[in-house]
Amino acid sequence: MLRSITTVNIEQIDLNLLPVLHAVLSERSATGAAKRLHVTQSAVSNALARLRHALGDPLLVRSARGLVPTPRALALQPGLEQIMRSLRSLVSERDAFDPSTTTREFTLACADYCTTILGARLLVLLRTRAPAARLRFLPLEQLAGSDGLSSNIDVHLGMPPRVPSGCRSATLFEDDFICMLKADGKAPKKLKLQEYLQAKHIRVSVLNSTSDAIDRALAKRRVSREIALTVPHFSVVPLMVEHGGYIATLSRRLAETQTPLFEIKLCEPPFSLGKRSTRMLWHERSEADPGAQFFRDLVREAAIE
């Protein structure tokens, strides 16, 4: 016995049955609907039987010309058409990304080291390729204090000791270290170890770190440097070197962008500190997203010297 239509509860209807009804109404045939949906004819018949019971209406009845929809089915057909169009649009949305018209905001979490050396170049590329898009730089503290890359952050740039679970990564560039000094006389090409150890140094503390790659390299030689100043941002280092007379050991790429702007000079450190890789990390949730792919490609391009 068919259920009264007034008792229909949407939560009790298997929504997977609606595409079947849509196909049968379009084809006016269970066989044609089965071919269209790539299922068996019995599967279509079973789905129709469940819908008839759920909606309290025969929906389609047999005639000499095939299946004929009831008034209730005809009333449902325009809504079904709209639902199917919306579903097709929803699942094909990933192919609709257009850089020239997108207004999407792309977010990048990094220390100001990366903002300084890549930020302007990335901004120019974005304004050229996606003029209506927006760019937002976030501090590493926000990355650490949230759900990280599983939230709404597109990319993290940095030197993480490991790649977090569920994330992908790619090396953007490698960089070595150089010393930054106040420009008050002839600069040697390379500092002597004694000069280096006797000087007062600046350390940049990222996420409240108490040591860095330079300290660890010195510890292996059983020596240490005197940290006279600790700052949270790389961007203030040149100013402190110029006015405080300190030494800073930092990325060559960063230091070379600052040299023309301050009264500073660059010297090679007294020992090799090797190279460090700056990596781009993103969550696997955005691996296939065309907008996120576009942004990652821009970041890669901006990182090329």
C-alpha atoms as a PDB file:
ATOM      1  CA  MET A   1       0.000   0.000   0.000  1.00  0.00           C
ATOM      2  CA  LEU A   2       1.374   3.415  -1.012  1.00  0.00           C
ATOM      3  CA  ARG A   3       2.162   5.898   1.734  1.00  0.00           C
ATOM      4  CA  SER A   4       0.240   9.166   1.932  1.00  0.00           C
ATOM      5  CA  ILE A   5       2.194  11.977   0.307  1.00  0.00           C
ATOM      6  CA  THR A   6       1.666  14.183   3.346  1.00  0.00           C
ATOM      7  CA  THR A   7       3.844  11.884   5.439  1.00  0.00           C
ATOM      8  CA  VAL A   8       6.937  12.123   3.212  1.00  0.00           C
ATOM      9  CA  ASN A   9      10.078  12.832   5.230  1.00  0.00           C
ATOM     10  CA  ILE A  10      13.115  13.890   3.191  1.00  0.00           C
ATOM     11  CA  GLU A  11      15.422  12.273   5.755  1.00  0.00           C
ATOM     12  CA  GLN A  12      13.818   8.908   4.995  1.00  0.00           C
ATOM     13  CA  ILE A  13      14.417   9.103   1.257  1.00  0.00           C
ATOM     14  CA  ASP A  14      17.618   7.755  -0.262  1.00  0.00           C
ATOM     15  CA  LEU A  15      18.705  10.703  -2.419  1.00  0.00           C
ATOM     16  CA  ASN A  16      20.686   8.308  -4.610  1.00  0.00           C
ATOM     17  CA  LEU A  17      17.320   7.271  -6.047  1.00  0.00           C
ATOM     18  CA  LEU A  18      16.612  10.703  -7.546  1.00  0.00           C
ATOM     19  CA  PRO A  19      19.051  10.343 -10.490  1.00  0.00           C
ATOM     20  CA  VAL A  20      17.255   7.091 -11.338  1.00  0.00           C
ATOM     21  CA  LEU A  21      13.880   8.840 -11.446  1.00  0.00           C
ATOM     22  CA  HIS A  22      15.408  11.634 -13.514  1.00  0.00           C
ATOM     23  CA  ALA A  23      16.816   9.139 -16.026  1.00  0.00           C
ATOM     24  CA  VAL A  24      13.540   7.175 -16.296  1.00  0.00           C
ATOM     25  CA  LEU A  25      11.524  10.357 -16.828  1.00  0.00           C
ATOM     26  CA  SER A  26      13.955  11.454 -19.534  1.00  0.00           C
ATOM     27  CA  GLU A  27      14.074   8.085 -21.306  1.00  0.00           C
ATOM     28  CA  ARG A  28      10.477   6.974 -20.612  1.00  0.00           C
ATOM     29  CA  SER A  29      12.001   3.517 -20.343  1.00  0.00           C
ATOM     30  CA  ALA A  30      13.576   1.463 -17.553  1.00  0.00           C
ATOM     31  CA  THR A  31      15.861  -0.182 -20.115  1.00  0.00           C
ATOM     32  CA  GLY A  32      16.998   3.159 -21.515  1.00  0.00           C
ATOM     33  CA  ALA A  33      17.561   4.520 -18.004  1.00  0.00           C
ATOM     34  CA  ALA A  34      19.634   1.460 -17.099  1.00  0.00           C
ATOM     35  CA  LYS A  35      21.888   1.965 -20.134  1.00  0.00           C
ATOM     36  CA  ARG A  36      22.235   5.666 -19.353  1.00  0.00           C
ATOM     37  CA  LEU A  37      23.171   4.997 -15.726  1.00  0.00           C
ATOM     38  CA  HIS A  38      25.302   1.925 -16.512  1.00  0.00           C
ATOM     39  CA  VAL A  39      23.309  -0.292 -14.155  1.00  0.00           C
ATOM     40  CA  THR A  40      21.022  -3.283 -14.620  1.00  0.00           C
ATOM     41  CA  GLN A  41      17.352  -2.950 -15.471  1.00  0.00           C
ATOM     42  CA  SER A  42      16.453  -4.722 -12.228  1.00  0.00           C
ATOM     43  CA  ALA A  43      18.404  -2.073 -10.279  1.00  0.00           C
ATOM     44  CA  VAL A  44      16.302   0.634 -11.941  1.00  0.00           C
ATOM     45  CA  SER A  45      13.078  -1.263 -11.186  1.00  0.00           C
ATOM     46  CA  ASN A  46      14.082  -1.703  -7.534  1.00  0.00           C
ATOM     47  CA  ALA A  47      14.909   2.006  -7.217  1.00  0.00           C
ATOM     48  CA  LEU A  48      11.539   2.973  -8.696  1.00  0.00           C
ATOM     49  CA  ALA A  49       9.763   0.627  -6.300  1.00  0.00           C
ATOM     50  CA  ARG A  50      11.485   2.273  -3.325  1.00  0.00           C
ATOM     51  CA  LEU A  51      10.615   5.770  -4.600  1.00  0.00           C
ATOM     52  CA  ARG A  52       6.978   4.806  -5.151  1.00  0.00           C
ATOM     53  CA  HIS A  53       6.759   3.665  -1.563  1.00  0.00           C
ATOM     54  CA  ALA A  54       8.588   6.732  -0.212  1.00  0.00           C
ATOM     55  CA  LEU A  55       6.593   9.288  -2.213  1.00  0.00           C
ATOM     56  CA  GLY A  56       3.205   7.566  -2.082  1.00  0.00           C
ATOM     57  CA  ASP A  57       2.686   7.703  -5.835  1.00  0.00           C
ATOM     58  CA  PRO A  58       3.052   5.225  -8.734  1.00  0.00           C
ATOM     59  CA  LEU A  59       5.255   7.815 -10.536  1.00  0.00           C
ATOM     60  CA  LEU A  60       5.276   5.861 -13.841  1.00  0.00           C
ATOM     61  CA  VAL A  61       2.738   3.417 -15.225  1.00  0.00           C
ATOM     62  CA  ARG A  62       3.005   1.097 -18.203  1.00  0.00           C
ATOM     63  CA  SER A  63       1.199   1.781 -21.455  1.00  0.00           C
ATOM     64  CA  ALA A  64       1.454   0.612 -25.036  1.00  0.00           C
ATOM     65  CA  ARG A  65       3.973   3.373 -25.676  1.00  0.00           C
ATOM     66  CA  GLY A  66       6.148   2.582 -22.673  1.00  0.00           C
ATOM     67  CA  LEU A  67       6.225   4.201 -19.245  1.00  0.00           C
ATOM     68  CA  VAL A  68       3.924   7.155 -18.730  1.00  0.00           C
ATOM     69  CA  PRO A  69       4.584   9.579 -15.842  1.00  0.00           C
ATOM     70  CA  THR A  70       1.861  10.393 -13.374  1.00  0.00           C
ATOM     71  CA  PRO A  71       0.950  14.027 -12.631  1.00  0.00           C
ATOM     72  CA  ARG A  72       3.046  13.777  -9.474  1.00  0.00           C
ATOM     73  CA  ALA A  73       6.083  12.649 -11.491  1.00  0.00           C
ATOM     74  CA  LEU A  74       5.577  15.428 -14.038  1.00  0.00           C
ATOM     75  CA  ALA A  75       5.422  17.942 -11.202  1.00  0.00           C
ATOM     76  CA  LEU A  76       8.732  16.576  -9.863  1.00  0.00           C
ATOM     77  CA  GLN A  77      10.518  16.633 -13.219  1.00  0.00           C
ATOM     78  CA  PRO A  78      11.468  20.388 -13.382  1.00  0.00           C
ATOM     79  CA  GLY A  79      12.887  20.240  -9.863  1.00  0.00           C
ATOM     80  CA  LEU A  80      14.849  17.098 -10.713  1.00  0.00           C
ATOM     81  CA  GLU A  81      16.282  18.823 -13.785  1.00  0.00           C
ATOM     82  CA  GLN A  82      17.445  21.725 -11.631  1.00  0.00           C
ATOM     83  CA  ILE A  83      18.956  19.391  -9.025  1.00  0.00           C
ATOM     84  CA  MET A  84      20.894  17.453 -11.671  1.00  0.00           C
ATOM     85  CA  ARG A  85      22.187  20.671 -13.270  1.00  0.00           C
ATOM     86  CA  SER A  86      23.324  21.895  -9.862  1.00  0.00           C
ATOM     87  CA  LEU A  87      25.070  18.598  -9.126  1.00  0.00           C
ATOM     88  CA  ARG A  88      26.850  18.616 -12.493  1.00  0.00           C
ATOM     89  CA  SER A  89      27.961  22.183 -11.867  1.00  0.00           C
ATOM     90  CA  LEU A  90      29.113  21.287  -8.365  1.00  0.00           C
ATOM     91  CA  VAL A  91      31.281  18.326  -9.366  1.00  0.00           C
ATOM     92  CA  SER A  92      32.741  20.154 -12.381  1.00  0.00           C
ATOM     93  CA  GLU A  93      33.528  23.353 -10.419  1.00  0.00           C
ATOM     94  CA  ARG A  94      37.241  22.448 -10.188  1.00  0.00           C
ATOM     95  CA  ASP A  95      37.489  22.901 -13.965  1.00  0.00           C
ATOM     96  CA  ALA A  96      35.925  26.366 -13.838  1.00  0.00           C
ATOM     97  CA  PHE A  97      38.859  28.183 -12.194  1.00  0.00           C
ATOM     98  CA  ASP A  98      39.903  31.158 -14.316  1.00  0.00           C
ATOM     99  CA  PRO A  99      42.913  33.170 -13.041  1.00  0.00           C
ATOM    100  CA  SER A 100      41.911  36.190 -15.116  1.00  0.00           C
ATOM    101  CA  THR A 101      38.584  36.579 -13.291  1.00  0.00           C
ATOM    102  CA  THR A 102      39.010  34.879  -9.912  1.00  0.00           C
ATOM    103  CA  THR A 103      38.568  36.973  -6.771  1.00  0.00           C
ATOM    104  CA  ARG A 104      39.958  34.251  -4.521  1.00  0.00           C
ATOM    105  CA  GLU A 105      42.230  35.147  -1.617  1.00  0.00           C
ATOM    106  CA  PHE A 106      45.403  33.074  -1.477  1.00  0.00           C
ATOM    107  CA  THR A 107      47.105  32.684   1.898  1.00  0.00           C
ATOM    108  CA  LEU A 108      50.760  31.991   2.566  1.00  0.00           C
ATOM    109  CA  ALA A 109      52.279  31.385   6.009  1.00  0.00           C
ATOM    110  CA  CYS A 110      55.989  32.090   6.409  1.00  0.00           C
ATOM    111  CA  ALA A 111      58.613  33.984   8.355  1.00  0.00           C
ATOM    112  CA  ASP A 112      59.380  37.477   7.100  1.00  0.00           C
ATOM    113  CA  TYR A 113      62.566  36.017   5.590  1.00  0.00           C
ATOM    114  CA  CYS A 114      60.444  34.568   2.774  1.00  0.00           C
ATOM    115  CA  THR A 115      58.213  37.632   2.586  1.00  0.00           C
ATOM    116  CA  THR A 116      61.275  39.814   2.022  1.00  0.00           C
ATOM    117  CA  ILE A 117      62.898  37.769  -0.703  1.00  0.00           C
ATOM    118  CA  LEU A 118      59.792  36.468  -2.501  1.00  0.00           C
ATOM    119  CA  GLY A 119      56.909  38.731  -1.546  1.00  0.00           C
ATOM    120  CA  ALA A 120      57.290  41.529  -4.081  1.00  0.00           C
ATOM    121  CA  ARG A 121      58.004  39.140  -6.957  1.00  0.00           C
ATOM    122  CA  LEU A 122      55.015  36.981  -6.027  1.00  0.00           C
ATOM    123  CA  LEU A 123      52.759  40.029  -5.819  1.00  0.00           C
ATOM    124  CA  VAL A 124      53.774  41.180  -9.295  1.00  0.00           C
ATOM    125  CA  LEU A 125      53.144  37.728 -10.750  1.00  0.00           C
ATOM    126  CA  LEU A 126      49.741  37.491  -9.085  1.00  0.00           C
ATOM    127  CA  ARG A 127      48.655  40.950 -10.233  1.00  0.00           C
ATOM    128  CA  THR A 128      49.723  40.056 -13.767  1.00  0.00           C
ATOM    129  CA  ARG A 129      48.113  36.613 -13.989  1.00  0.00           C
ATOM    130  CA  ALA A 130      45.154  37.051 -11.614  1.00  0.00           C
ATOM    131  CA  PRO A 131      44.489  40.802 -11.252  1.00  0.00           C
ATOM    132  CA  ALA A 132      41.331  40.434  -9.151  1.00  0.00           C
ATOM    133  CA  ALA A 133      42.815  37.874  -6.737  1.00  0.00           C
ATOM    134  CA  ARG A 134      44.010  38.816  -3.261  1.00  0.00           C
ATOM    135  CA  LEU A 135      47.134  37.792  -1.397  1.00  0.00           C
ATOM    136  CA  ARG A 136      47.503  37.384   2.358  1.00  0.00           C
ATOM    137  CA  PHE A 137      50.735  36.686   4.225  1.00  0.00           C
ATOM    138  CA  LEU A 138      50.347  35.082   7.634  1.00  0.00           C
ATOM    139  CA  PRO A 139      52.960  34.765  10.392  1.00  0.00           C
ATOM    140  CA  LEU A 140      54.195  31.335  11.389  1.00  0.00           C
ATOM    141  CA  GLU A 141      52.576  31.843  14.790  1.00  0.00           C
ATOM    142  CA  GLN A 142      49.169  31.692  13.137  1.00  0.00           C
ATOM    143  CA  LEU A 143      50.110  28.479  11.348  1.00  0.00           C
ATOM    144  CA  ALA A 144      51.279  26.919  14.597  1.00  0.00           C
ATOM    145  CA  GLY A 145      48.261  28.146  16.545  1.00  0.00           C
ATOM    146  CA  SER A 146      45.602  26.829  14.168  1.00  0.00           C
ATOM    147  CA  ASP A 147      44.910  23.573  12.398  1.00  0.00           C
ATOM    148  CA  GLY A 148      47.847  24.434  10.167  1.00  0.00           C
ATOM    149  CA  LEU A 149      47.651  23.567   6.523  1.00  0.00           C
ATOM    150  CA  SER A 150      44.480  21.575   7.091  1.00  0.00           C
ATOM    151  CA  SER A 151      42.671  24.894   7.632  1.00  0.00           C
ATOM    152  CA  ASN A 152      42.405  27.711   5.084  1.00  0.00           C
ATOM    153  CA  ILE A 153      46.151  28.250   4.570  1.00  0.00           C
ATOM    154  CA  ASP A 154      47.204  27.448   1.011  1.00  0.00           C
ATOM    155  CA  VAL A 155      50.975  27.275   1.398  1.00  0.00           C
ATOM    156  CA  HIS A 156      53.644  27.269   4.098  1.00  0.00           C
ATOM    157  CA  LEU A 157      57.187  28.324   3.229  1.00  0.00           C
ATOM    158  CA  GLY A 158      60.028  27.483   5.546  1.00  0.00           C
ATOM    159  CA  MET A 159      62.628  24.993   6.716  1.00  0.00           C
ATOM    160  CA  PRO A 160      60.604  22.486   8.735  1.00  0.00           C
ATOM    161  CA  PRO A 161      62.511  19.594  10.314  1.00  0.00           C
ATOM    162  CA  ARG A 162      59.870  17.221   8.958  1.00  0.00           C
ATOM    163  CA  VAL A 163      56.852  17.250   6.691  1.00  0.00           C
ATOM    164  CA  PRO A 164      53.654  16.967   8.772  1.00  0.00           C
ATOM    165  CA  SER A 165      51.327  14.037   8.194  1.00  0.00           C
ATOM    166  CA  GLY A 166      48.853  14.665   5.394  1.00  0.00           C
ATOM    167  CA  CYS A 167      51.035  17.297   3.723  1.00  0.00           C
ATOM    168  CA  ARG A 168      53.059  17.445   0.513  1.00  0.00           C
ATOM    169  CA  SER A 169      56.271  19.400   0.004  1.00  0.00           C
ATOM    170  CA  ALA A 170      58.684  20.594  -2.651  1.00  0.00           C
ATOM    171  CA  THR A 171      62.069  22.289  -2.413  1.00  0.00           C
ATOM    172  CA  LEU A 172      61.948  25.861  -3.703  1.00  0.00           C
ATOM    173  CA  PHE A 173      65.603  26.837  -3.424  1.00  0.00           C
ATOM    174  CA  GLU A 174      68.794  26.309  -1.478  1.00  0.00           C
ATOM    175  CA  ASP A 175      70.710  29.073   0.260  1.00  0.00           C
ATOM    176  CA  ASP A 176      73.907  29.364   2.230  1.00  0.00           C
ATOM    177  CA  PHE A 177      74.928  31.717   5.040  1.00  0.00           C
ATOM    178  CA  ILE A 178      76.840  34.975   5.097  1.00  0.00           C
ATOM    179  CA  CYS A 179      77.807  37.451   7.807  1.00  0.00           C
ATOM    180  CA  MET A 180      76.408  40.970   7.923  1.00  0.00           C
ATOM    181  CA  LEU A 181      78.514  43.711   9.570  1.00  0.00           C
ATOM    182  CA  LYS A 182      78.375  47.460   9.941  1.00  0.00           C
ATOM    183  CA  ALA A 183      80.122  49.189   7.033  1.00  0.00           C
ATOM    184  CA  ASP A 184      82.751  51.146   8.983  1.00  0.00           C
ATOM    185  CA  GLY A 185      85.980  50.374   7.212  1.00  0.00           C
ATOM    186  CA  LYS A 186      87.448  47.921   4.772  1.00  0.00           C
ATOM    187  CA  ALA A 187      85.573  44.657   4.837  1.00  0.00           C
ATOM    188  CA  PRO A 188      87.522  41.403   4.766  1.00  0.00           C
ATOM    189  CA  LYS A 189      86.273  38.804   2.341  1.00  0.00           C
ATOM    190  CA  LYS A 190      86.155  36.267   5.131  1.00  0.00           C
ATOM    191  CA  LEU A 191      86.056  36.668   8.905  1.00  0.00           C
ATOM    192  CA  LYS A 192      88.564  34.900  11.108  1.00  0.00           C
ATOM    193  CA  LEU A 193      87.139  32.556  13.711  1.00  0.00           C
ATOM    194  CA  GLN A 194      88.606  34.622  16.583  1.00  0.00           C
ATOM    195  CA  GLU A 195      87.011  37.793  15.217  1.00  0.00           C
ATOM    196  CA  TYR A 196      83.696  36.005  14.850  1.00  0.00           C
ATOM    197  CA  LEU A 197      83.709  34.602  18.393  1.00  0.00           C
ATOM    198  CA  GLN A 198      84.737  37.906  19.982  1.00  0.00           C
ATOM    199  CA  ALA A 199      81.949  39.860  18.292  1.00  0.00           C
ATOM    200  CA  LYS A 200      78.451  40.453  19.645  1.00  0.00           C
ATOM    201  CA  HIS A 201      75.794  38.687  17.618  1.00  0.00           C
ATOM    202  CA  ILE A 202      72.146  39.006  16.646  1.00  0.00           C
ATOM    203  CA  ARG A 203      69.932  35.949  16.581  1.00  0.00           C
ATOM    204  CA  VAL A 204      66.519  35.760  14.961  1.00  0.00           C
ATOM    205  CA  SER A 205      64.207  33.646  17.109  1.00  0.00           C
ATOM    206  CA  VAL A 206      61.523  32.022  14.970  1.00  0.00           C
ATOM    207  CA  LEU A 207      58.605  30.700  17.052  1.00  0.00           C
ATOM    208  CA  ASN A 208      60.569  31.471  20.250  1.00  0.00           C
ATOM    209  CA  SER A 209      63.419  29.141  19.344  1.00  0.00           C
ATOM    210  CA  THR A 210      66.469  29.333  21.634  1.00  0.00           C
ATOM    211  CA  SER A 211      69.030  28.140  19.090  1.00  0.00           C
ATOM    212  CA  ASP A 212      69.487  27.914  15.358  1.00  0.00           C
ATOM    213  CA  ALA A 213      71.655  26.245  12.702  1.00  0.00           C
ATOM    214  CA  ILE A 214      74.595  28.555  13.491  1.00  0.00           C
ATOM    215  CA  ASP A 215      74.540  27.699  17.207  1.00  0.00           C
ATOM    216  CA  ARG A 216      74.392  23.993  16.427  1.00  0.00           C
ATOM    217  CA  ALA A 217      77.304  24.249  14.004  1.00  0.00           C
ATOM    218  CA  LEU A 218      79.368  26.092  16.611  1.00  0.00           C
ATOM    219  CA  ALA A 219      78.471  23.531  19.285  1.00  0.00           C
ATOM    220  CA  LYS A 220      79.957  20.797  17.108  1.00  0.00           C
ATOM    221  CA  ARG A 221      83.230  22.759  17.214  1.00  0.00           C
ATOM    222  CA  ARG A 222      82.847  23.147  20.983  1.00  0.00           C
ATOM    223  CA  VAL A 223      82.675  26.918  20.782  1.00  0.00           C
ATOM    224  CA  SER A 224      79.832  29.399  21.097  1.00  0.00           C
ATOM    225  CA  ARG A 225      79.016  32.972  20.176  1.00  0.00           C
ATOM    226  CA  GLU A 226      77.760  35.785  22.386  1.00  0.00           C
ATOM    227  CA  ILE A 227      74.150  36.629  21.603  1.00  0.00           C
ATOM    228  CA  ALA A 228      73.730  40.306  22.467  1.00  0.00           C
ATOM    229  CA  LEU A 229      70.369  40.787  20.797  1.00  0.00           C
ATOM    230  CA  THR A 230      67.490  38.463  19.948  1.00  0.00           C
ATOM    231  CA  VAL A 231      64.767  39.659  17.590  1.00  0.00           C
ATOM    232  CA  PRO A 232      61.631  37.957  16.245  1.00  0.00           C
ATOM    233  CA  HIS A 233      61.916  39.255  12.672  1.00  0.00           C
ATOM    234  CA  PHE A 234      64.589  39.052   9.987  1.00  0.00           C
ATOM    235  CA  SER A 235      63.576  42.409   8.544  1.00  0.00           C
ATOM    236  CA  VAL A 236      64.933  44.372  11.531  1.00  0.00           C
ATOM    237  CA  VAL A 237      68.385  42.747  11.441  1.00  0.00           C
ATOM    238  CA  PRO A 238      70.093  45.159   8.984  1.00  0.00           C
ATOM    239  CA  LEU A 239      68.957  48.178  10.997  1.00  0.00           C
ATOM    240  CA  MET A 240      70.309  46.661  14.209  1.00  0.00           C
ATOM    241  CA  VAL A 241      73.605  45.784  12.550  1.00  0.00           C
ATOM    242  CA  GLU A 242      73.972  49.298  11.161  1.00  0.00           C
ATOM    243  CA  HIS A 243      73.243  51.067  14.439  1.00  0.00           C
ATOM    244  CA  GLY A 244      74.394  48.526  17.006  1.00  0.00           C
ATOM    245  CA  GLY A 245      77.600  47.302  15.455  1.00  0.00           C
ATOM    246  CA  TYR A 246      76.562  43.670  15.868  1.00  0.00           C
ATOM    247  CA  ILE A 247      77.217  40.741  13.544  1.00  0.00           C
ATOM    248  CA  ALA A 248      74.363  38.740  12.052  1.00  0.00           C
ATOM    249  CA  THR A 249      74.753  35.426  10.286  1.00  0.00           C
ATOM    250  CA  LEU A 250      71.866  34.866   7.962  1.00  0.00           C
ATOM    251  CA  SER A 251      70.724  33.790   4.520  1.00  0.00           C
ATOM    252  CA  ARG A 252      72.857  35.121   1.703  1.00  0.00           C
ATOM    253  CA  ARG A 253      69.807  35.684  -0.442  1.00  0.00           C
ATOM    254  CA  LEU A 254      68.152  37.778   2.252  1.00  0.00           C
ATOM    255  CA  ALA A 255      71.325  39.690   3.122  1.00  0.00           C
ATOM    256  CA  GLU A 256      71.978  40.652  -0.494  1.00  0.00           C
ATOM    257  CA  THR A 257      68.519  42.201  -0.816  1.00  0.00           C
ATOM    258  CA  GLN A 258      69.265  44.421   2.208  1.00  0.00           C
ATOM    259  CA  THR A 259      72.793  45.563   1.401  1.00  0.00           C
ATOM    260  CA  PRO A 260      71.821  48.470  -0.916  1.00  0.00           C
ATOM    261  CA  LEU A 261      69.404  49.850   1.686  1.00  0.00           C
ATOM    262  CA  PHE A 262      71.674  50.088   4.738  1.00  0.00           C
ATOM    263  CA  GLU A 263      75.227  50.962   5.731  1.00  0.00           C
ATOM    264  CA  ILE A 264      76.254  47.333   5.998  1.00  0.00           C
ATOM    265  CA  LYS A 265      78.745  44.954   4.416  1.00  0.00           C
ATOM    266  CA  LEU A 266      78.829  41.228   3.838  1.00  0.00           C
ATOM    267  CA  CYS A 267      81.620  38.775   4.681  1.00  0.00           C
ATOM    268  CA  GLU A 268      82.011  35.043   4.455  1.00  0.00           C
ATOM    269  CA  PRO A 269      81.740  33.241   7.821  1.00  0.00           C
ATOM    270  CA  PRO A 270      84.936  31.677   9.213  1.00  0.00           C
ATOM    271  CA  PHE A 271      83.622  28.136   8.711  1.00  0.00           C
ATOM    272  CA  SER A 272      81.209  26.399   6.376  1.00  0.00           C
ATOM    273  CA  LEU A 273      77.604  26.264   7.529  1.00  0.00           C
ATOM    274  CA  GLY A 274      76.444  24.300   4.522  1.00  0.00           C
ATOM    275  CA  LYS A 275      73.245  24.969   2.643  1.00  0.00           C
ATOM    276  CA  ARG A 276      69.673  24.947   3.836  1.00  0.00           C
ATOM    277  CA  SER A 277      66.618  24.221   1.747  1.00  0.00           C
ATOM    278  CA  THR A 278      63.532  26.397   1.807  1.00  0.00           C
ATOM    279  CA  ARG A 279      60.519  24.226   1.151  1.00  0.00           C
ATOM    280  CA  MET A 280      56.938  24.805   0.115  1.00  0.00           C
ATOM    281  CA  LEU A 281      54.359  22.721   1.985  1.00  0.00           C
ATOM    282  CA  TRP A 282      50.669  22.283   1.303  1.00  0.00           C
ATOM    283  CA  HIS A 283      47.938  19.992   2.581  1.00  0.00           C
ATOM    284  CA  GLU A 284      46.883  17.060   0.433  1.00  0.00           C
ATOM    285  CA  ARG A 285      43.285  18.359   0.595  1.00  0.00           C
ATOM    286  CA  SER A 286      44.284  21.000  -1.988  1.00  0.00           C
ATOM    287  CA  GLU A 287      46.486  18.753  -4.134  1.00  0.00           C
ATOM    288  CA  ALA A 288      44.007  18.578  -7.022  1.00  0.00           C
ATOM    289  CA  ASP A 289      42.405  22.006  -6.623  1.00  0.00           C
ATOM    290  CA  PRO A 290      43.166  24.049  -9.779  1.00  0.00           C
ATOM    291  CA  GLY A 291      43.260  27.363  -7.914  1.00  0.00           C
ATOM    292  CA  ALA A 292      45.713  26.013  -5.344  1.00  0.00           C
ATOM    293  CA  GLN A 293      47.810  24.469  -8.125  1.00  0.00           C
ATOM    294  CA  PHE A 294      47.909  27.835  -9.885  1.00  0.00           C
ATOM    295  CA  PHE A 295      49.087  29.563  -6.707  1.00  0.00           C
ATOM    296  CA  ARG A 296      51.787  26.971  -5.996  1.00  0.00           C
ATOM    297  CA  ASP A 297      53.095  27.410  -9.539  1.00  0.00           C
ATOM    298  CA  LEU A 298      53.303  31.169  -8.953  1.00  0.00           C
ATOM    299  CA  VAL A 299      55.255  30.630  -5.733  1.00  0.00           C
ATOM    300  CA  ARG A 300      57.689  28.343  -7.567  1.00  0.00           C
ATOM    301  CA  GLU A 301      58.164  30.965 -10.254  1.00  0.00           C
ATOM    302  CA  ALA A 302      58.692  33.730  -7.700  1.00  0.00           C
ATOM    303  CA  ALA A 303      61.413  31.656  -6.013  1.00  0.00           C
ATOM    304  CA  ILE A 304      63.543  31.496  -9.157  1.00  0.00           C
ATOM    305  CA  GLU A 305      66.386  33.999  -8.944  1.00  0.00           C
END
